[in-house]
Amino acid sequence: MTVTEVADLLGVLKEDVLRMAEHGVLPHPITIDGEPHFPEEPILRRREEEDDAVPSAGGRPLPTTTSSG
């Protein structure tokens, strides 16, 4: 998977994908034709884990907080 594909799938910026790989959050990419590519299976597994961990808001907007100052 390309950096762009991973970013789109995880809903993050391309820069974040590379940073996550540097910090071991994502697997280290391999270089193909000078471009980093990620193995598909661990990325999809991570996406599934994130989907399971984030509760749904049920279609309603999440509450916001305001600070008084």
N, C-alpha and C. Protein backbone atom coordinates (compact mmCIF):
# COMPACT_ATOMS: atom_id res chain seq x y z
N MET A 1 0.85 -1.18 0.00
CA MET A 1 0.00 0.00 0.00
C MET A 1 0.89 1.24 0.00
N THR A 2 0.50 2.24 -0.75
CA THR A 2 1.27 3.48 -0.78
C THR A 2 0.97 4.30 0.47
N VAL A 3 1.78 5.31 0.69
CA VAL A 3 1.57 6.21 1.83
C VAL A 3 0.19 6.86 1.71
N THR A 4 -0.18 7.27 0.51
CA THR A 4 -1.48 7.91 0.30
C THR A 4 -2.62 6.95 0.62
N GLU A 5 -2.50 5.70 0.19
CA GLU A 5 -3.55 4.71 0.47
C GLU A 5 -3.70 4.47 1.97
N VAL A 6 -2.58 4.36 2.66
CA VAL A 6 -2.62 4.15 4.12
C VAL A 6 -3.23 5.37 4.80
N ALA A 7 -2.83 6.56 4.39
CA ALA A 7 -3.36 7.78 4.98
C ALA A 7 -4.87 7.86 4.79
N ASP A 8 -5.34 7.57 3.59
CA ASP A 8 -6.78 7.61 3.32
C ASP A 8 -7.53 6.58 4.16
N LEU A 9 -6.97 5.39 4.27
CA LEU A 9 -7.62 4.32 5.02
C LEU A 9 -7.71 4.64 6.51
N LEU A 10 -6.64 5.20 7.06
CA LEU A 10 -6.61 5.49 8.49
C LEU A 10 -7.16 6.87 8.83
N GLY A 11 -7.40 7.69 7.82
CA GLY A 11 -7.93 9.02 8.05
C GLY A 11 -6.92 9.98 8.67
N VAL A 12 -5.67 9.85 8.23
CA VAL A 12 -4.61 10.72 8.75
C VAL A 12 -3.86 11.34 7.57
N LEU A 13 -2.98 12.28 7.86
CA LEU A 13 -2.15 12.89 6.83
C LEU A 13 -1.03 11.94 6.41
N LYS A 14 -0.53 12.13 5.19
CA LYS A 14 0.59 11.30 4.71
C LYS A 14 1.80 11.43 5.62
N GLU A 15 2.04 12.64 6.11
CA GLU A 15 3.17 12.86 7.01
C GLU A 15 3.02 12.04 8.30
N ASP A 16 1.77 11.90 8.75
CA ASP A 16 1.51 11.13 9.97
C ASP A 16 1.81 9.65 9.74
N VAL A 17 1.51 9.15 8.55
CA VAL A 17 1.79 7.74 8.24
C VAL A 17 3.28 7.47 8.38
N LEU A 18 4.09 8.34 7.81
CA LEU A 18 5.55 8.15 7.89
C LEU A 18 6.04 8.29 9.32
N ARG A 19 5.48 9.22 10.06
CA ARG A 19 5.86 9.41 11.47
C ARG A 19 5.46 8.18 12.29
N MET A 20 4.28 7.63 12.03
CA MET A 20 3.83 6.44 12.75
C MET A 20 4.77 5.27 12.48
N ALA A 21 5.25 5.16 11.25
CA ALA A 21 6.20 4.09 10.92
C ALA A 21 7.53 4.31 11.64
N GLU A 22 7.98 5.55 11.71
CA GLU A 22 9.23 5.85 12.40
C GLU A 22 9.17 5.49 13.87
N HIS A 23 7.98 5.63 14.48
CA HIS A 23 7.81 5.37 15.91
C HIS A 23 7.34 3.95 16.20
N GLY A 24 7.25 3.12 15.16
CA GLY A 24 6.89 1.72 15.36
C GLY A 24 5.40 1.46 15.51
N VAL A 25 4.58 2.47 15.29
CA VAL A 25 3.13 2.28 15.37
C VAL A 25 2.64 1.52 14.14
N LEU A 26 3.26 1.76 13.01
CA LEU A 26 2.98 1.03 11.77
C LEU A 26 4.25 0.28 11.39
N PRO A 27 4.10 -0.78 10.59
CA PRO A 27 5.30 -1.51 10.16
C PRO A 27 6.19 -0.63 9.30
N HIS A 28 7.47 -0.95 9.30
CA HIS A 28 8.43 -0.21 8.48
C HIS A 28 8.13 -0.47 7.01
N PRO A 29 8.06 0.58 6.20
CA PRO A 29 7.76 0.38 4.78
C PRO A 29 8.96 -0.15 4.01
N ILE A 30 8.66 -0.79 2.90
CA ILE A 30 9.72 -1.18 1.97
C ILE A 30 9.70 -0.17 0.82
N THR A 31 10.81 -0.02 0.15
CA THR A 31 10.90 0.94 -0.95
C THR A 31 10.75 0.20 -2.28
N ILE A 32 9.77 0.64 -3.07
CA ILE A 32 9.55 0.10 -4.40
C ILE A 32 9.58 1.28 -5.36
N ASP A 33 10.46 1.23 -6.33
CA ASP A 33 10.62 2.33 -7.30
C ASP A 33 10.82 3.67 -6.60
N GLY A 34 11.56 3.65 -5.49
CA GLY A 34 11.88 4.89 -4.78
C GLY A 34 10.78 5.41 -3.88
N GLU A 35 9.65 4.70 -3.78
CA GLU A 35 8.53 5.14 -2.95
C GLU A 35 8.26 4.13 -1.83
N PRO A 36 7.95 4.62 -0.61
CA PRO A 36 7.65 3.69 0.48
C PRO A 36 6.30 3.01 0.27
N HIS A 37 6.26 1.72 0.54
CA HIS A 37 5.03 0.93 0.47
C HIS A 37 4.92 0.10 1.75
N PHE A 38 3.70 -0.05 2.22
CA PHE A 38 3.43 -0.78 3.45
C PHE A 38 2.74 -2.09 3.14
N PRO A 39 3.02 -3.13 3.94
CA PRO A 39 2.30 -4.39 3.77
C PRO A 39 0.82 -4.19 4.13
N GLU A 40 -0.06 -4.73 3.32
CA GLU A 40 -1.49 -4.47 3.48
C GLU A 40 -2.09 -5.08 4.75
N GLU A 41 -1.75 -6.32 5.07
CA GLU A 41 -2.40 -7.02 6.18
C GLU A 41 -2.27 -6.30 7.52
N PRO A 42 -1.08 -5.88 7.95
CA PRO A 42 -1.00 -5.20 9.25
C PRO A 42 -1.75 -3.86 9.27
N ILE A 43 -1.81 -3.18 8.13
CA ILE A 43 -2.53 -1.91 8.07
C ILE A 43 -4.03 -2.15 8.22
N LEU A 44 -4.55 -3.14 7.51
CA LEU A 44 -5.98 -3.46 7.61
C LEU A 44 -6.33 -3.94 9.01
N ARG A 45 -5.44 -4.73 9.61
CA ARG A 45 -5.68 -5.21 10.97
C ARG A 45 -5.74 -4.04 11.95
N ARG A 46 -4.83 -3.08 11.79
CA ARG A 46 -4.84 -1.90 12.66
C ARG A 46 -6.14 -1.12 12.48
N ARG A 47 -6.60 -1.00 11.26
CA ARG A 47 -7.86 -0.28 11.00
C ARG A 47 -9.02 -0.98 11.70
N GLU A 48 -9.07 -2.30 11.63
CA GLU A 48 -10.13 -3.06 12.29
C GLU A 48 -10.07 -2.87 13.80
N GLU A 49 -8.86 -2.87 14.36
CA GLU A 49 -8.70 -2.67 15.80
C GLU A 49 -9.18 -1.29 16.21
N GLU A 50 -8.88 -0.28 15.40
CA GLU A 50 -9.33 1.08 15.70
C GLU A 50 -10.84 1.17 15.62
N ASP A 51 -11.44 0.51 14.62
CA ASP A 51 -12.90 0.53 14.48
C ASP A 51 -13.56 -0.12 15.69
N ASP A 52 -12.97 -1.19 16.20
CA ASP A 52 -13.53 -1.88 17.37
C ASP A 52 -13.36 -1.06 18.64
N ALA A 53 -12.32 -0.23 18.71
CA ALA A 53 -12.01 0.50 19.93
C ALA A 53 -12.76 1.82 20.05
N VAL A 54 -13.25 2.35 18.93
CA VAL A 54 -13.91 3.66 18.96
C VAL A 54 -15.41 3.47 18.97
N PRO A 55 -16.08 3.88 20.06
CA PRO A 55 -17.53 3.73 20.10
C PRO A 55 -18.20 4.70 19.13
N SER A 56 -19.30 4.27 18.60
CA SER A 56 -20.04 5.10 17.66
C SER A 56 -20.80 6.18 18.41
N ALA A 57 -20.94 7.33 17.79
CA ALA A 57 -21.71 8.43 18.39
C ALA A 57 -23.18 8.30 18.02
N GLY A 58 -23.56 7.24 17.30
CA GLY A 58 -24.95 7.03 16.96
C GLY A 58 -25.49 8.08 16.00
N GLY A 59 -24.63 8.67 15.20
CA GLY A 59 -25.06 9.65 14.24
C GLY A 59 -25.29 11.03 14.81
N ARG A 60 -25.10 11.18 16.10
CA ARG A 60 -25.28 12.49 16.74
C ARG A 60 -23.93 13.15 16.88
N PRO A 61 -23.90 14.47 16.85
CA PRO A 61 -22.62 15.15 17.09
C PRO A 61 -22.14 14.92 18.51
N LEU A 62 -20.85 14.80 18.66
CA LEU A 62 -20.28 14.63 19.99
C LEU A 62 -20.40 15.94 20.76
N PRO A 63 -20.59 15.87 22.08
CA PRO A 63 -20.70 17.10 22.86
C PRO A 63 -19.40 17.87 22.84
N THR A 64 -19.52 19.18 22.89
CA THR A 64 -18.33 20.02 22.93
C THR A 64 -18.26 20.69 24.29
N THR A 65 -17.06 21.04 24.67
CA THR A 65 -16.88 21.73 25.95
C THR A 65 -16.37 23.12 25.68
N THR A 66 -16.71 24.01 26.55
CA THR A 66 -16.20 25.37 26.45
C THR A 66 -15.46 25.69 27.72
N SER A 67 -14.45 26.51 27.59
CA SER A 67 -13.70 26.90 28.78
C SER A 67 -14.11 28.31 29.15
N SER A 68 -14.26 28.53 30.43
CA SER A 68 -14.59 29.88 30.89
C SER A 68 -13.31 30.52 31.39
N GLY A 69 -13.14 31.77 31.09
CA GLY A 69 -11.86 32.36 31.42
C GLY A 69 -11.94 33.70 31.92
